Amino acid sequence: MLVVRMLSDVLDRLTALELRVSRLETQTDNLPLGYSRLLIAEMMTQHFDLAELEMMAFDMNIDADEISGDTRDERVRSLIGYCERRLKTHELIFHCKRLRPGVQWPAIPHQR
């Protein structure tokens, strides 16, 4: 009986641990391996002008009012933040790769 209780306790702990890992994976699935928001921001600022950033947001069905900032740096940071909050970072990187295929963008993460 003691062994059964111990096994049940271990199973409960494993289930709880699996749940916590699953939540962490869900929170980070949107981010590519080696993702650095600073690197992405620098690359986007270097390779896109304001009009292209607006067009990218339009292509991603993001309302222009959702992306703030008067300068390119501000718009890039706003767009990255918007995408991170809505788990659209993979889509943002996809559009960056599509528009600037010659640039070495981070890998797009696998979606589960």
PDB file of N, CA and C in Angstrom:
ATOM      1  N   MET A   1       0.812  -1.193   0.000  1.00  0.00           N
ATOM      2  CA  MET A   1       0.000   0.000   0.000  1.00  0.00           C
ATOM      3  C   MET A   1       0.856   1.257   0.000  1.00  0.00           C
ATOM      4  N   LEU A   2       1.961   1.215   0.749  1.00  0.00           N
ATOM      5  CA  LEU A   2       2.860   2.357   0.819  1.00  0.00           C
ATOM      6  C   LEU A   2       3.471   2.650  -0.551  1.00  0.00           C
ATOM      7  N   VAL A   3       3.822   1.611  -1.283  1.00  0.00           N
ATOM      8  CA  VAL A   3       4.411   1.774  -2.615  1.00  0.00           C
ATOM      9  C   VAL A   3       3.396   2.421  -3.568  1.00  0.00           C
ATOM     10  N   VAL A   4       2.159   2.011  -3.485  1.00  0.00           N
ATOM     11  CA  VAL A   4       1.112   2.575  -4.333  1.00  0.00           C
ATOM     12  C   VAL A   4       0.929   4.060  -4.026  1.00  0.00           C
ATOM     13  N   ARG A   5       0.935   4.408  -2.757  1.00  0.00           N
ATOM     14  CA  ARG A   5       0.790   5.809  -2.359  1.00  0.00           C
ATOM     15  C   ARG A   5       1.985   6.631  -2.842  1.00  0.00           C
ATOM     16  N   MET A   6       3.180   6.066  -2.731  1.00  0.00           N
ATOM     17  CA  MET A   6       4.388   6.764  -3.193  1.00  0.00           C
ATOM     18  C   MET A   6       4.350   6.961  -4.713  1.00  0.00           C
ATOM     19  N   LEU A   7       3.936   5.927  -5.423  1.00  0.00           N
ATOM     20  CA  LEU A   7       3.837   6.036  -6.887  1.00  0.00           C
ATOM     21  C   LEU A   7       2.789   7.068  -7.290  1.00  0.00           C
ATOM     22  N   SER A   8       1.696   7.089  -6.568  1.00  0.00           N
ATOM     23  CA  SER A   8       0.648   8.074  -6.843  1.00  0.00           C
ATOM     24  C   SER A   8       1.163   9.494  -6.605  1.00  0.00           C
ATOM     25  N   ASP A   9       1.926   9.674  -5.529  1.00  0.00           N
ATOM     26  CA  ASP A   9       2.513  10.983  -5.219  1.00  0.00           C
ATOM     27  C   ASP A   9       3.499  11.406  -6.311  1.00  0.00           C
ATOM     28  N   VAL A  10       4.327  10.490  -6.758  1.00  0.00           N
ATOM     29  CA  VAL A  10       5.287  10.784  -7.832  1.00  0.00           C
ATOM     30  C   VAL A  10       4.543  11.152  -9.113  1.00  0.00           C
ATOM     31  N   LEU A  11       3.502  10.431  -9.428  1.00  0.00           N
ATOM     32  CA  LEU A  11       2.711  10.717 -10.622  1.00  0.00           C
ATOM     33  C   LEU A  11       2.072  12.098 -10.539  1.00  0.00           C
ATOM     34  N   ASP A  12       1.541  12.450  -9.381  1.00  0.00           N
ATOM     35  CA  ASP A  12       0.957  13.781  -9.184  1.00  0.00           C
ATOM     36  C   ASP A  12       1.997  14.872  -9.379  1.00  0.00           C
ATOM     37  N   ARG A  13       3.186  14.657  -8.832  1.00  0.00           N
ATOM     38  CA  ARG A  13       4.256  15.651  -8.980  1.00  0.00           C
ATOM     39  C   ARG A  13       4.703  15.782 -10.429  1.00  0.00           C
ATOM     40  N   LEU A  14       4.799  14.659 -11.113  1.00  0.00           N
ATOM     41  CA  LEU A  14       5.175  14.696 -12.531  1.00  0.00           C
ATOM     42  C   LEU A  14       4.127  15.421 -13.369  1.00  0.00           C
ATOM     43  N   THR A  15       2.869  15.192 -13.065  1.00  0.00           N
ATOM     44  CA  THR A  15       1.784  15.861 -13.782  1.00  0.00           C
ATOM     45  C   THR A  15       1.847  17.366 -13.551  1.00  0.00           C
ATOM     46  N   ALA A  16       2.076  17.775 -12.313  1.00  0.00           N
ATOM     47  CA  ALA A  16       2.183  19.205 -12.005  1.00  0.00           C
ATOM     48  C   ALA A  16       3.383  19.818 -12.709  1.00  0.00           C
ATOM     49  N   LEU A  17       4.497  19.107 -12.731  1.00  0.00           N
ATOM     50  CA  LEU A  17       5.698  19.592 -13.411  1.00  0.00           C
ATOM     51  C   LEU A  17       5.462  19.704 -14.913  1.00  0.00           C
ATOM     52  N   GLU A  18       4.811  18.714 -15.495  1.00  0.00           N
ATOM     53  CA  GLU A  18       4.492  18.745 -16.920  1.00  0.00           C
ATOM     54  C   GLU A  18       3.605  19.943 -17.264  1.00  0.00           C
ATOM     55  N   LEU A  19       2.657  20.229 -16.388  1.00  0.00           N
ATOM     56  CA  LEU A  19       1.779  21.393 -16.589  1.00  0.00           C
ATOM     57  C   LEU A  19       2.570  22.696 -16.579  1.00  0.00           C
ATOM     58  N   ARG A  20       3.503  22.819 -15.626  1.00  0.00           N
ATOM     59  CA  ARG A  20       4.326  24.038 -15.552  1.00  0.00           C
ATOM     60  C   ARG A  20       5.215  24.176 -16.779  1.00  0.00           C
ATOM     61  N   VAL A  21       5.811  23.086 -17.222  1.00  0.00           N
ATOM     62  CA  VAL A  21       6.660  23.119 -18.427  1.00  0.00           C
ATOM     63  C   VAL A  21       5.820  23.486 -19.633  1.00  0.00           C
ATOM     64  N   SER A  22       4.629  22.931 -19.734  1.00  0.00           N
ATOM     65  CA  SER A  22       3.739  23.236 -20.849  1.00  0.00           C
ATOM     66  C   SER A  22       3.399  24.724 -20.886  1.00  0.00           C
ATOM     67  N   ARG A  23       3.121  25.307 -19.727  1.00  0.00           N
ATOM     68  CA  ARG A  23       2.829  26.746 -19.672  1.00  0.00           C
ATOM     69  C   ARG A  23       4.028  27.572 -20.114  1.00  0.00           C
ATOM     70  N   LEU A  24       5.225  27.174 -19.672  1.00  0.00           N
ATOM     71  CA  LEU A  24       6.430  27.896 -20.075  1.00  0.00           C
ATOM     72  C   LEU A  24       6.654  27.784 -21.577  1.00  0.00           C
ATOM     73  N   GLU A  25       6.436  26.600 -22.140  1.00  0.00           N
ATOM     74  CA  GLU A  25       6.587  26.420 -23.582  1.00  0.00           C
ATOM     75  C   GLU A  25       5.601  27.297 -24.337  1.00  0.00           C
ATOM     76  N   THR A  26       4.384  27.379 -23.852  1.00  0.00           N
ATOM     77  CA  THR A  26       3.376  28.207 -24.499  1.00  0.00           C
ATOM     78  C   THR A  26       3.805  29.662 -24.489  1.00  0.00           C
ATOM     79  N   GLN A  27       4.387  30.110 -23.403  1.00  0.00           N
ATOM     80  CA  GLN A  27       4.819  31.498 -23.300  1.00  0.00           C
ATOM     81  C   GLN A  27       6.004  31.796 -24.203  1.00  0.00           C
ATOM     82  N   THR A  28       6.852  30.800 -24.463  1.00  0.00           N
ATOM     83  CA  THR A  28       8.060  31.054 -25.243  1.00  0.00           C
ATOM     84  C   THR A  28       7.996  30.501 -26.654  1.00  0.00           C
ATOM     85  N   ASP A  29       6.941  29.767 -27.018  1.00  0.00           N
ATOM     86  CA  ASP A  29       6.837  29.195 -28.369  1.00  0.00           C
ATOM     87  C   ASP A  29       6.937  30.252 -29.453  1.00  0.00           C
ATOM     88  N   ASN A  30       6.487  31.433 -29.171  1.00  0.00           N
ATOM     89  CA  ASN A  30       6.460  32.486 -30.157  1.00  0.00           C
ATOM     90  C   ASN A  30       7.846  33.028 -30.468  1.00  0.00           C
ATOM     91  N   LEU A  31       8.813  32.783 -29.610  1.00  0.00           N
ATOM     92  CA  LEU A  31      10.128  33.373 -29.778  1.00  0.00           C
ATOM     93  C   LEU A  31      11.102  32.383 -30.403  1.00  0.00           C
ATOM     94  N   PRO A  32      11.787  32.797 -31.451  1.00  0.00           N
ATOM     95  CA  PRO A  32      12.767  31.913 -32.088  1.00  0.00           C
ATOM     96  C   PRO A  32      13.922  31.610 -31.150  1.00  0.00           C
ATOM     97  N   LEU A  33      14.561  30.477 -31.378  1.00  0.00           N
ATOM     98  CA  LEU A  33      15.746  30.115 -30.633  1.00  0.00           C
ATOM     99  C   LEU A  33      16.791  31.203 -30.833  1.00  0.00           C
ATOM    100  N   GLY A  34      17.370  31.688 -29.768  1.00  0.00           N
ATOM    101  CA  GLY A  34      18.356  32.744 -29.883  1.00  0.00           C
ATOM    102  C   GLY A  34      17.748  34.109 -30.145  1.00  0.00           C
ATOM    103  N   TYR A  35      16.455  34.215 -29.960  1.00  0.00           N
ATOM    104  CA  TYR A  35      15.751  35.462 -30.222  1.00  0.00           C
ATOM    105  C   TYR A  35      16.280  36.575 -29.335  1.00  0.00           C
ATOM    106  N   SER A  36      16.531  37.700 -29.938  1.00  0.00           N
ATOM    107  CA  SER A  36      16.934  38.891 -29.204  1.00  0.00           C
ATOM    108  C   SER A  36      16.131  40.048 -29.757  1.00  0.00           C
ATOM    109  N   ARG A  37      15.265  40.609 -28.932  1.00  0.00           N
ATOM    110  CA  ARG A  37      14.431  41.716 -29.417  1.00  0.00           C
ATOM    111  C   ARG A  37      15.299  42.897 -29.807  1.00  0.00           C
ATOM    112  N   LEU A  38      16.427  43.092 -29.134  1.00  0.00           N
ATOM    113  CA  LEU A  38      17.327  44.186 -29.490  1.00  0.00           C
ATOM    114  C   LEU A  38      17.903  43.974 -30.887  1.00  0.00           C
ATOM    115  N   LEU A  39      18.331  42.748 -31.172  1.00  0.00           N
ATOM    116  CA  LEU A  39      18.882  42.440 -32.499  1.00  0.00           C
ATOM    117  C   LEU A  39      17.823  42.628 -33.580  1.00  0.00           C
ATOM    118  N   ILE A  40      16.623  42.113 -33.341  1.00  0.00           N
ATOM    119  CA  ILE A  40      15.538  42.266 -34.316  1.00  0.00           C
ATOM    120  C   ILE A  40      15.240  43.742 -34.538  1.00  0.00           C
ATOM    121  N   ALA A  41      15.178  44.514 -33.463  1.00  0.00           N
ATOM    122  CA  ALA A  41      14.887  45.953 -33.572  1.00  0.00           C
ATOM    123  C   ALA A  41      15.972  46.655 -34.388  1.00  0.00           C
ATOM    124  N   GLU A  42      17.222  46.337 -34.107  1.00  0.00           N
ATOM    125  CA  GLU A  42      18.323  46.954 -34.860  1.00  0.00           C
ATOM    126  C   GLU A  42      18.256  46.587 -36.341  1.00  0.00           C
ATOM    127  N   MET A  43      17.981  45.325 -36.616  1.00  0.00           N
ATOM    128  CA  MET A  43      17.917  44.868 -38.010  1.00  0.00           C
ATOM    129  C   MET A  43      16.751  45.525 -38.748  1.00  0.00           C
ATOM    130  N   MET A  44      15.598  45.577 -38.087  1.00  0.00           N
ATOM    131  CA  MET A  44      14.436  46.177 -38.737  1.00  0.00           C
ATOM    132  C   MET A  44      14.653  47.667 -38.976  1.00  0.00           C
ATOM    133  N   THR A  45      15.248  48.355 -37.990  1.00  0.00           N
ATOM    134  CA  THR A  45      15.514  49.785 -38.138  1.00  0.00           C
ATOM    135  C   THR A  45      16.486  50.028 -39.287  1.00  0.00           C
ATOM    136  N   GLN A  46      17.451  49.147 -39.420  1.00  0.00           N
ATOM    137  CA  GLN A  46      18.451  49.285 -40.479  1.00  0.00           C
ATOM    138  C   GLN A  46      17.873  49.008 -41.865  1.00  0.00           C
ATOM    139  N   HIS A  47      16.949  48.070 -41.975  1.00  0.00           N
ATOM    140  CA  HIS A  47      16.522  47.581 -43.294  1.00  0.00           C
ATOM    141  C   HIS A  47      15.156  48.077 -43.772  1.00  0.00           C
ATOM    142  N   PHE A  48      14.376  48.746 -42.906  1.00  0.00           N
ATOM    143  CA  PHE A  48      13.050  49.203 -43.317  1.00  0.00           C
ATOM    144  C   PHE A  48      12.853  50.676 -42.992  1.00  0.00           C
ATOM    145  N   ASP A  49      12.165  51.383 -43.889  1.00  0.00           N
ATOM    146  CA  ASP A  49      11.809  52.766 -43.589  1.00  0.00           C
ATOM    147  C   ASP A  49      10.395  52.799 -43.010  1.00  0.00           C
ATOM    148  N   LEU A  50       9.944  53.993 -42.620  1.00  0.00           N
ATOM    149  CA  LEU A  50       8.630  54.118 -41.975  1.00  0.00           C
ATOM    150  C   LEU A  50       7.494  53.586 -42.842  1.00  0.00           C
ATOM    151  N   ALA A  51       7.519  53.915 -44.120  1.00  0.00           N
ATOM    152  CA  ALA A  51       6.448  53.466 -45.018  1.00  0.00           C
ATOM    153  C   ALA A  51       6.420  51.941 -45.109  1.00  0.00           C
ATOM    154  N   GLU A  52       7.581  51.311 -45.147  1.00  0.00           N
ATOM    155  CA  GLU A  52       7.640  49.852 -45.225  1.00  0.00           C
ATOM    156  C   GLU A  52       7.144  49.214 -43.924  1.00  0.00           C
ATOM    157  N   LEU A  53       7.451  49.838 -42.801  1.00  0.00           N
ATOM    158  CA  LEU A  53       6.958  49.324 -41.520  1.00  0.00           C
ATOM    159  C   LEU A  53       5.439  49.402 -41.456  1.00  0.00           C
ATOM    160  N   GLU A  54       4.886  50.496 -41.948  1.00  0.00           N
ATOM    161  CA  GLU A  54       3.433  50.643 -41.991  1.00  0.00           C
ATOM    162  C   GLU A  54       2.807  49.600 -42.909  1.00  0.00           C
ATOM    163  N   MET A  55       3.449  49.356 -44.048  1.00  0.00           N
ATOM    164  CA  MET A  55       2.935  48.350 -44.988  1.00  0.00           C
ATOM    165  C   MET A  55       3.022  46.949 -44.380  1.00  0.00           C
ATOM    166  N   MET A  56       4.107  46.684 -43.654  1.00  0.00           N
ATOM    167  CA  MET A  56       4.246  45.387 -43.003  1.00  0.00           C
ATOM    168  C   MET A  56       3.123  45.191 -41.981  1.00  0.00           C
ATOM    169  N   ALA A  57       2.855  46.211 -41.184  1.00  0.00           N
ATOM    170  CA  ALA A  57       1.768  46.128 -40.204  1.00  0.00           C
ATOM    171  C   ALA A  57       0.436  45.894 -40.917  1.00  0.00           C
ATOM    172  N   PHE A  58       0.216  46.591 -42.025  1.00  0.00           N
ATOM    173  CA  PHE A  58      -1.009  46.405 -42.804  1.00  0.00           C
ATOM    174  C   PHE A  58      -1.106  44.960 -43.307  1.00  0.00           C
ATOM    175  N   ASP A  59      -0.004  44.434 -43.831  1.00  0.00           N
ATOM    176  CA  ASP A  59       0.019  43.047 -44.318  1.00  0.00           C
ATOM    177  C   ASP A  59      -0.290  42.044 -43.214  1.00  0.00           C
ATOM    178  N   MET A  60       0.042  42.418 -41.973  1.00  0.00           N
ATOM    179  CA  MET A  60      -0.182  41.532 -40.833  1.00  0.00           C
ATOM    180  C   MET A  60      -1.536  41.789 -40.174  1.00  0.00           C
ATOM    181  N   ASN A  61      -2.383  42.599 -40.837  1.00  0.00           N
ATOM    182  CA  ASN A  61      -3.711  42.949 -40.302  1.00  0.00           C
ATOM    183  C   ASN A  61      -3.630  43.644 -38.942  1.00  0.00           C
ATOM    184  N   ILE A  62      -2.636  44.508 -38.798  1.00  0.00           N
ATOM    185  CA  ILE A  62      -2.487  45.281 -37.570  1.00  0.00           C
ATOM    186  C   ILE A  62      -2.975  46.692 -37.864  1.00  0.00           C
ATOM    187  N   ASP A  63      -3.934  47.142 -37.080  1.00  0.00           N
ATOM    188  CA  ASP A  63      -4.482  48.479 -37.231  1.00  0.00           C
ATOM    189  C   ASP A  63      -3.387  49.510 -37.000  1.00  0.00           C
ATOM    190  N   ALA A  64      -3.319  50.525 -37.837  1.00  0.00           N
ATOM    191  CA  ALA A  64      -2.280  51.557 -37.742  1.00  0.00           C
ATOM    192  C   ALA A  64      -2.272  52.229 -36.374  1.00  0.00           C
ATOM    193  N   ASP A  65      -3.424  52.326 -35.718  1.00  0.00           N
ATOM    194  CA  ASP A  65      -3.507  52.945 -34.398  1.00  0.00           C
ATOM    195  C   ASP A  65      -2.821  52.114 -33.315  1.00  0.00           C
ATOM    196  N   GLU A  66      -2.604  50.843 -33.598  1.00  0.00           N
ATOM    197  CA  GLU A  66      -1.975  49.949 -32.622  1.00  0.00           C
ATOM    198  C   GLU A  66      -0.466  50.148 -32.537  1.00  0.00           C
ATOM    199  N   ILE A  67       0.117  50.707 -33.584  1.00  0.00           N
ATOM    200  CA  ILE A  67       1.565  50.892 -33.643  1.00  0.00           C
ATOM    201  C   ILE A  67       1.863  52.374 -33.478  1.00  0.00           C
ATOM    202  N   SER A  68       2.549  52.716 -32.404  1.00  0.00           N
ATOM    203  CA  SER A  68       2.800  54.129 -32.092  1.00  0.00           C
ATOM    204  C   SER A  68       4.237  54.509 -32.421  1.00  0.00           C
ATOM    205  N   GLY A  69       4.477  55.806 -32.402  1.00  0.00           N
ATOM    206  CA  GLY A  69       5.830  56.323 -32.586  1.00  0.00           C
ATOM    207  C   GLY A  69       5.948  57.189 -33.819  1.00  0.00           C
ATOM    208  N   ASP A  70       6.761  58.218 -33.684  1.00  0.00           N
ATOM    209  CA  ASP A  70       6.989  59.131 -34.798  1.00  0.00           C
ATOM    210  C   ASP A  70       8.252  58.780 -35.576  1.00  0.00           C
ATOM    211  N   THR A  71       9.186  58.120 -34.920  1.00  0.00           N
ATOM    212  CA  THR A  71      10.440  57.771 -35.591  1.00  0.00           C
ATOM    213  C   THR A  71      10.437  56.293 -35.961  1.00  0.00           C
ATOM    214  N   ARG A  72      11.364  55.932 -36.800  1.00  0.00           N
ATOM    215  CA  ARG A  72      11.494  54.535 -37.214  1.00  0.00           C
ATOM    216  C   ARG A  72      11.793  53.656 -35.997  1.00  0.00           C
ATOM    217  N   ASP A  73      12.721  54.088 -35.134  1.00  0.00           N
ATOM    218  CA  ASP A  73      13.046  53.306 -33.929  1.00  0.00           C
ATOM    219  C   ASP A  73      11.816  53.058 -33.069  1.00  0.00           C
ATOM    220  N   GLU A  74      11.020  54.089 -32.853  1.00  0.00           N
ATOM    221  CA  GLU A  74       9.819  53.952 -32.022  1.00  0.00           C
ATOM    222  C   GLU A  74       8.815  53.014 -32.660  1.00  0.00           C
ATOM    223  N   ARG A  75       8.631  53.120 -33.963  1.00  0.00           N
ATOM    224  CA  ARG A  75       7.677  52.236 -34.658  1.00  0.00           C
ATOM    225  C   ARG A  75       8.122  50.789 -34.600  1.00  0.00           C
ATOM    226  N   VAL A  76       9.424  50.569 -34.785  1.00  0.00           N
ATOM    227  CA  VAL A  76       9.951  49.201 -34.730  1.00  0.00           C
ATOM    228  C   VAL A  76       9.715  48.606 -33.351  1.00  0.00           C
ATOM    229  N   ARG A  77      10.051  49.344 -32.313  1.00  0.00           N
ATOM    230  CA  ARG A  77       9.846  48.836 -30.947  1.00  0.00           C
ATOM    231  C   ARG A  77       8.367  48.562 -30.682  1.00  0.00           C
ATOM    232  N   SER A  78       7.520  49.446 -31.146  1.00  0.00           N
ATOM    233  CA  SER A  78       6.081  49.270 -30.949  1.00  0.00           C
ATOM    234  C   SER A  78       5.574  48.033 -31.692  1.00  0.00           C
ATOM    235  N   LEU A  79       6.028  47.850 -32.913  1.00  0.00           N
ATOM    236  CA  LEU A  79       5.607  46.692 -33.718  1.00  0.00           C
ATOM    237  C   LEU A  79       6.091  45.390 -33.086  1.00  0.00           C
ATOM    238  N   ILE A  80       7.331  45.364 -32.628  1.00  0.00           N
ATOM    239  CA  ILE A  80       7.858  44.161 -31.974  1.00  0.00           C
ATOM    240  C   ILE A  80       7.067  43.871 -30.697  1.00  0.00           C
ATOM    241  N   GLY A  81       6.829  44.873 -29.889  1.00  0.00           N
ATOM    242  CA  GLY A  81       6.063  44.684 -28.655  1.00  0.00           C
ATOM    243  C   GLY A  81       4.660  44.176 -28.934  1.00  0.00           C
ATOM    244  N   TYR A  82       4.018  44.763 -29.937  1.00  0.00           N
ATOM    245  CA  TYR A  82       2.675  44.327 -30.325  1.00  0.00           C
ATOM    246  C   TYR A  82       2.700  42.844 -30.698  1.00  0.00           C
ATOM    247  N   CYS A  83       3.663  42.463 -31.518  1.00  0.00           N
ATOM    248  CA  CYS A  83       3.743  41.070 -31.970  1.00  0.00           C
ATOM    249  C   CYS A  83       4.062  40.116 -30.825  1.00  0.00           C
ATOM    250  N   GLU A  84       4.933  40.518 -29.923  1.00  0.00           N
ATOM    251  CA  GLU A  84       5.245  39.658 -28.777  1.00  0.00           C
ATOM    252  C   GLU A  84       4.018  39.441 -27.899  1.00  0.00           C
ATOM    253  N   ARG A  85       3.271  40.497 -27.643  1.00  0.00           N
ATOM    254  CA  ARG A  85       2.086  40.377 -26.783  1.00  0.00           C
ATOM    255  C   ARG A  85       1.008  39.505 -27.403  1.00  0.00           C
ATOM    256  N   ARG A  86       0.970  39.435 -28.716  1.00  0.00           N
ATOM    257  CA  ARG A  86      -0.080  38.676 -29.399  1.00  0.00           C
ATOM    258  C   ARG A  86       0.429  37.399 -30.059  1.00  0.00           C
ATOM    259  N   LEU A  87       1.618  36.987 -29.657  1.00  0.00           N
ATOM    260  CA  LEU A  87       2.232  35.755 -30.176  1.00  0.00           C
ATOM    261  C   LEU A  87       2.331  35.756 -31.699  1.00  0.00           C
ATOM    262  N   LYS A  88       2.748  36.888 -32.251  1.00  0.00           N
ATOM    263  CA  LYS A  88       2.880  37.016 -33.706  1.00  0.00           C
ATOM    264  C   LYS A  88       4.328  37.269 -34.124  1.00  0.00           C
ATOM    265  N   THR A  89       5.287  37.010 -33.227  1.00  0.00           N
ATOM    266  CA  THR A  89       6.682  37.264 -33.561  1.00  0.00           C
ATOM    267  C   THR A  89       7.113  36.445 -34.761  1.00  0.00           C
ATOM    268  N   HIS A  90       6.664  35.194 -34.838  1.00  0.00           N
ATOM    269  CA  HIS A  90       7.017  34.352 -35.980  1.00  0.00           C
ATOM    270  C   HIS A  90       6.504  34.976 -37.284  1.00  0.00           C
ATOM    271  N   GLU A  91       5.322  35.569 -37.235  1.00  0.00           N
ATOM    272  CA  GLU A  91       4.753  36.208 -38.428  1.00  0.00           C
ATOM    273  C   GLU A  91       5.550  37.464 -38.792  1.00  0.00           C
ATOM    274  N   LEU A  92       5.978  38.214 -37.794  1.00  0.00           N
ATOM    275  CA  LEU A  92       6.788  39.405 -38.046  1.00  0.00           C
ATOM    276  C   LEU A  92       8.095  39.020 -38.732  1.00  0.00           C
ATOM    277  N   ILE A  93       8.754  38.001 -38.220  1.00  0.00           N
ATOM    278  CA  ILE A  93      10.016  37.560 -38.828  1.00  0.00           C
ATOM    279  C   ILE A  93       9.769  37.011 -40.225  1.00  0.00           C
ATOM    280  N   PHE A  94       8.667  36.315 -40.418  1.00  0.00           N
ATOM    281  CA  PHE A  94       8.315  35.832 -41.756  1.00  0.00           C
ATOM    282  C   PHE A  94       8.241  36.997 -42.744  1.00  0.00           C
ATOM    283  N   HIS A  95       7.572  38.084 -42.354  1.00  0.00           N
ATOM    284  CA  HIS A  95       7.437  39.245 -43.241  1.00  0.00           C
ATOM    285  C   HIS A  95       8.782  39.933 -43.467  1.00  0.00           C
ATOM    286  N   CYS A  96       9.601  39.991 -42.432  1.00  0.00           N
ATOM    287  CA  CYS A  96      10.944  40.564 -42.607  1.00  0.00           C
ATOM    288  C   CYS A  96      11.737  39.752 -43.622  1.00  0.00           C
ATOM    289  N   LYS A  97      11.672  38.428 -43.505  1.00  0.00           N
ATOM    290  CA  LYS A  97      12.382  37.552 -44.454  1.00  0.00           C
ATOM    291  C   LYS A  97      11.826  37.705 -45.870  1.00  0.00           C
ATOM    292  N   ARG A  98      10.522  37.827 -45.964  1.00  0.00           N
ATOM    293  CA  ARG A  98       9.885  37.956 -47.275  1.00  0.00           C
ATOM    294  C   ARG A  98      10.305  39.243 -47.963  1.00  0.00           C
ATOM    295  N   LEU A  99      10.365  40.330 -47.195  1.00  0.00           N
ATOM    296  CA  LEU A  99      10.687  41.628 -47.775  1.00  0.00           C
ATOM    297  C   LEU A  99      12.183  41.850 -47.956  1.00  0.00           C
ATOM    298  N   ARG A 100      12.997  41.222 -47.146  1.00  0.00           N
ATOM    299  CA  ARG A 100      14.455  41.353 -47.238  1.00  0.00           C
ATOM    300  C   ARG A 100      15.083  39.965 -47.176  1.00  0.00           C
ATOM    301  N   PRO A 101      14.934  39.183 -48.256  1.00  0.00           N
ATOM    302  CA  PRO A 101      15.432  37.801 -48.233  1.00  0.00           C
ATOM    303  C   PRO A 101      16.948  37.691 -48.138  1.00  0.00           C
ATOM    304  N   GLY A 102      17.667  38.730 -48.510  1.00  0.00           N
ATOM    305  CA  GLY A 102      19.128  38.681 -48.456  1.00  0.00           C
ATOM    306  C   GLY A 102      19.707  38.931 -47.074  1.00  0.00           C
ATOM    307  N   VAL A 103      18.847  39.280 -46.122  1.00  0.00           N
ATOM    308  CA  VAL A 103      19.291  39.567 -44.755  1.00  0.00           C
ATOM    309  C   VAL A 103      19.189  38.284 -43.934  1.00  0.00           C
ATOM    310  N   GLN A 104      20.146  38.050 -43.049  1.00  0.00           N
ATOM    311  CA  GLN A 104      20.167  36.847 -42.208  1.00  0.00           C
ATOM    312  C   GLN A 104      19.281  37.047 -40.981  1.00  0.00           C
ATOM    313  N   TRP A 105      17.977  36.799 -41.123  1.00  0.00           N
ATOM    314  CA  TRP A 105      17.012  36.925 -40.029  1.00  0.00           C
ATOM    315  C   TRP A 105      17.045  35.668 -39.170  1.00  0.00           C
ATOM    316  N   PRO A 106      16.610  35.753 -37.917  1.00  0.00           N
ATOM    317  CA  PRO A 106      16.542  34.544 -37.079  1.00  0.00           C
ATOM    318  C   PRO A 106      15.566  33.527 -37.667  1.00  0.00           C
ATOM    319  N   ALA A 107      15.759  32.281 -37.278  1.00  0.00           N
ATOM    320  CA  ALA A 107      14.879  31.211 -37.744  1.00  0.00           C
ATOM    321  C   ALA A 107      13.470  31.420 -37.209  1.00  0.00           C
ATOM    322  N   ILE A 108      12.487  31.033 -37.997  1.00  0.00           N
ATOM    323  CA  ILE A 108      11.103  31.076 -37.551  1.00  0.00           C
ATOM    324  C   ILE A 108      10.859  29.875 -36.654  1.00  0.00           C
ATOM    325  N   PRO A 109      10.263  30.072 -35.472  1.00  0.00           N
ATOM    326  CA  PRO A 109      10.056  28.961 -34.547  1.00  0.00           C
ATOM    327  C   PRO A 109       9.020  27.980 -35.063  1.00  0.00           C
ATOM    328  N   HIS A 110       9.138  26.752 -34.578  1.00  0.00           N
ATOM    329  CA  HIS A 110       8.133  25.743 -34.898  1.00  0.00           C
ATOM    330  C   HIS A 110       6.877  26.039 -34.108  1.00  0.00           C
ATOM    331  N   GLN A 111       5.725  25.929 -34.742  1.00  0.00           N
ATOM    332  CA  GLN A 111       4.457  26.134 -34.060  1.00  0.00           C
ATOM    333  C   GLN A 111       3.866  24.780 -33.733  1.00  0.00           C
ATOM    334  N   ARG A 112       3.338  24.667 -32.527  1.00  0.00           N
ATOM    335  CA  ARG A 112       2.728  23.394 -32.098  1.00  0.00           C
ATOM    336  C   ARG A 112       1.254  23.457 -32.224  1.00  0.00           C
TER     337      ARG A 112
END
